[in-house]
Amino acid sequence: MFRSFMSDALGAAREAAARGEVPVGAAVSRGGALLAVAGNRCRERSDPTAHAEIIAIRAACAALGSERLTGCVLWVTLEPCAMCAGAIAAARLDRVHFAAADPKSGGVCHGARVFAHPQSHHAPEIVEGEGAVEAAALLRDFFDRRR
């Protein structure tokens, strides 16, 4: 039975915004169970790699005791950047659901299109759009407040 975990990712994005982070959230599921959920923590950790996707992938790997996330799905509120797409390929996630497209910095359907390159070790199934309106609004509101 299919179950979406986009609401968990959106919740993590809202929490990230409340911490002053860019509001992006991610969740990793397997077989209908939630393995990990995270929001951006780049500012908090002074770490440009502390994207929600990277943190969630690390936590899911730790939960499973494996560097591979075969059979797992990543739910993320914004199209992953090229760095995160590389991590997704390395982790061998089966599918990625992302809410809002990122024409400026995306690395999946825009920009680098990491999975389309022959050097990509793995190309997950990509599903886009679920939760896009709320995810885009969170980002727009966040950046409007900062300007």
Protein backbone atom coordinates (compact mmCIF):
# COMPACT_ATOMS: atom_id res chain seq x y z
CA MET A 1 0.00 0.00 0.00
CA PHE A 2 1.34 3.43 -1.00
CA ARG A 3 1.80 6.04 1.69
CA SER A 4 3.19 9.52 1.14
CA PHE A 5 5.66 11.00 3.60
CA MET A 6 5.68 14.44 2.00
CA SER A 7 3.80 15.85 5.01
CA ASP A 8 6.74 14.80 7.21
CA ALA A 9 9.17 16.54 4.87
CA LEU A 10 6.99 19.68 4.86
CA GLY A 11 6.91 19.63 8.66
CA ALA A 12 10.71 19.46 8.74
CA ALA A 13 10.84 22.39 6.29
CA ARG A 14 8.61 24.47 8.57
CA GLU A 15 10.87 23.62 11.53
CA ALA A 16 13.94 24.61 9.50
CA ALA A 17 12.36 27.99 8.72
CA ALA A 18 11.62 28.51 12.42
CA ARG A 19 15.38 27.98 13.10
CA GLY A 20 16.28 30.55 10.43
CA GLU A 21 17.35 27.93 7.92
CA VAL A 22 16.21 27.80 4.29
CA PRO A 23 12.94 25.83 4.63
CA VAL A 24 13.73 22.52 2.99
CA GLY A 25 12.76 19.22 4.55
CA ALA A 26 13.37 15.60 3.63
CA ALA A 27 12.20 12.20 4.75
CA VAL A 28 13.30 8.67 3.89
CA SER A 29 10.83 5.79 3.95
CA ARG A 30 10.95 2.08 3.30
CA GLY A 31 8.00 -0.23 2.93
CA GLY A 32 5.55 2.27 4.38
CA ALA A 33 7.72 3.06 7.43
CA LEU A 34 9.47 6.35 8.11
CA LEU A 35 13.21 5.85 8.63
CA ALA A 36 14.43 9.43 8.91
CA VAL A 37 13.28 13.03 8.65
CA ALA A 38 15.39 16.18 8.62
CA GLY A 39 15.42 19.84 7.75
CA ASN A 40 18.26 22.04 6.55
CA ARG A 41 20.89 22.81 9.21
CA CYS A 42 23.58 24.60 7.18
CA ARG A 43 23.62 27.76 9.32
CA GLU A 44 23.26 25.92 12.63
CA ARG A 45 26.17 23.59 11.85
CA SER A 46 28.23 26.08 9.81
CA ASP A 47 28.24 23.32 7.20
CA PRO A 48 27.30 23.91 3.56
CA THR A 49 26.66 20.17 3.15
CA ALA A 50 24.03 20.02 5.93
CA HIS A 51 21.14 19.94 3.45
CA ALA A 52 17.98 18.16 4.55
CA GLU A 53 18.53 15.37 2.02
CA ILE A 54 22.08 14.64 3.20
CA ILE A 55 21.08 14.59 6.87
CA ALA A 56 18.07 12.33 6.17
CA ILE A 57 20.16 9.96 4.01
CA ARG A 58 22.80 9.69 6.75
CA ALA A 59 20.17 8.98 9.40
CA ALA A 60 18.43 6.35 7.24
CA CYS A 61 21.76 4.64 6.52
CA ALA A 62 22.50 4.58 10.25
CA ALA A 63 19.03 3.18 11.00
CA LEU A 64 19.53 0.37 8.47
CA GLY A 65 23.22 -0.17 9.19
CA SER A 66 24.05 0.14 5.50
CA GLU A 67 25.48 2.66 3.06
CA ARG A 68 22.85 1.58 0.53
CA LEU A 69 19.20 2.59 0.69
CA THR A 70 17.81 0.16 -1.87
CA GLY A 71 14.08 -0.23 -1.44
CA CYS A 72 13.88 3.28 0.03
CA VAL A 73 12.18 6.47 -1.09
CA LEU A 74 13.30 10.06 -0.50
CA TRP A 75 10.62 12.73 -0.01
CA VAL A 76 11.93 16.28 -0.28
CA THR A 77 10.24 19.66 -0.45
CA LEU A 78 12.57 21.14 -3.09
CA GLU A 79 14.24 19.62 -6.13
CA PRO A 80 17.62 18.32 -4.92
CA CYS A 81 20.75 20.22 -5.89
CA ALA A 82 23.62 18.52 -7.73
CA MET A 83 25.41 17.66 -4.47
CA CYS A 84 22.33 15.99 -3.03
CA ALA A 85 21.61 14.22 -6.33
CA GLY A 86 25.11 12.73 -6.16
CA ALA A 87 24.42 11.46 -2.64
CA ILE A 88 21.06 10.05 -3.78
CA ALA A 89 22.80 8.13 -6.57
CA ALA A 90 25.51 6.85 -4.21
CA ALA A 91 22.88 5.70 -1.70
CA ARG A 92 20.96 3.89 -4.46
CA LEU A 93 17.56 5.25 -3.41
CA ASP A 94 14.78 3.70 -5.51
CA ARG A 95 12.66 6.81 -5.95
CA VAL A 96 12.71 10.54 -5.20
CA HIS A 97 9.53 12.57 -4.72
CA PHE A 98 10.15 16.30 -4.71
CA ALA A 99 7.59 19.02 -4.21
CA ALA A 100 8.78 22.30 -5.74
CA ALA A 101 11.00 22.52 -8.80
CA ASP A 102 14.20 24.56 -8.51
CA PRO A 103 15.06 26.06 -11.91
CA LYS A 104 17.94 28.06 -10.36
CA SER A 105 19.79 25.41 -8.33
CA GLY A 106 18.11 22.09 -9.02
CA GLY A 107 20.25 19.17 -10.07
CA VAL A 108 17.62 16.62 -11.06
CA CYS A 109 15.26 18.08 -13.67
CA HIS A 110 17.05 21.43 -14.05
CA GLY A 111 20.66 22.54 -14.12
CA ALA A 112 23.14 19.69 -13.83
CA ARG A 113 20.56 16.90 -14.33
CA VAL A 114 22.89 14.55 -12.49
CA PHE A 115 20.97 11.34 -13.15
CA ALA A 116 21.02 11.91 -16.92
CA HIS A 117 24.83 11.74 -17.06
CA PRO A 118 26.47 8.43 -18.00
CA GLN A 119 28.80 8.92 -14.99
CA SER A 120 25.86 8.65 -12.59
CA HIS A 121 26.08 5.33 -10.76
CA HIS A 122 22.34 5.12 -10.30
CA ALA A 123 19.24 6.92 -11.52
CA PRO A 124 16.20 6.71 -9.24
CA GLU A 125 12.64 7.12 -10.41
CA ILE A 126 11.67 10.81 -10.09
CA VAL A 127 8.18 12.01 -9.11
CA GLU A 128 7.58 15.72 -8.81
CA GLY A 129 4.82 18.02 -7.70
CA GLU A 130 3.19 16.65 -4.55
CA GLY A 131 3.15 19.46 -1.98
CA ALA A 132 4.60 21.94 -4.48
CA VAL A 133 2.23 24.78 -3.60
CA GLU A 134 2.99 24.63 0.14
CA ALA A 135 6.73 24.08 -0.36
CA ALA A 136 6.99 27.02 -2.78
CA ALA A 137 5.02 29.23 -0.38
CA LEU A 138 7.35 28.35 2.51
CA LEU A 139 10.38 29.30 0.41
CA ARG A 140 8.81 32.46 -0.99
CA ASP A 141 7.71 33.66 2.47
CA PHE A 142 11.11 32.87 3.96
CA PHE A 143 13.01 34.87 1.35
CA ASP A 144 10.46 37.71 1.32
CA ARG A 145 11.03 38.15 5.08
CA ARG A 146 14.81 38.26 4.55
CA ARG A 147 14.66 41.01 1.91
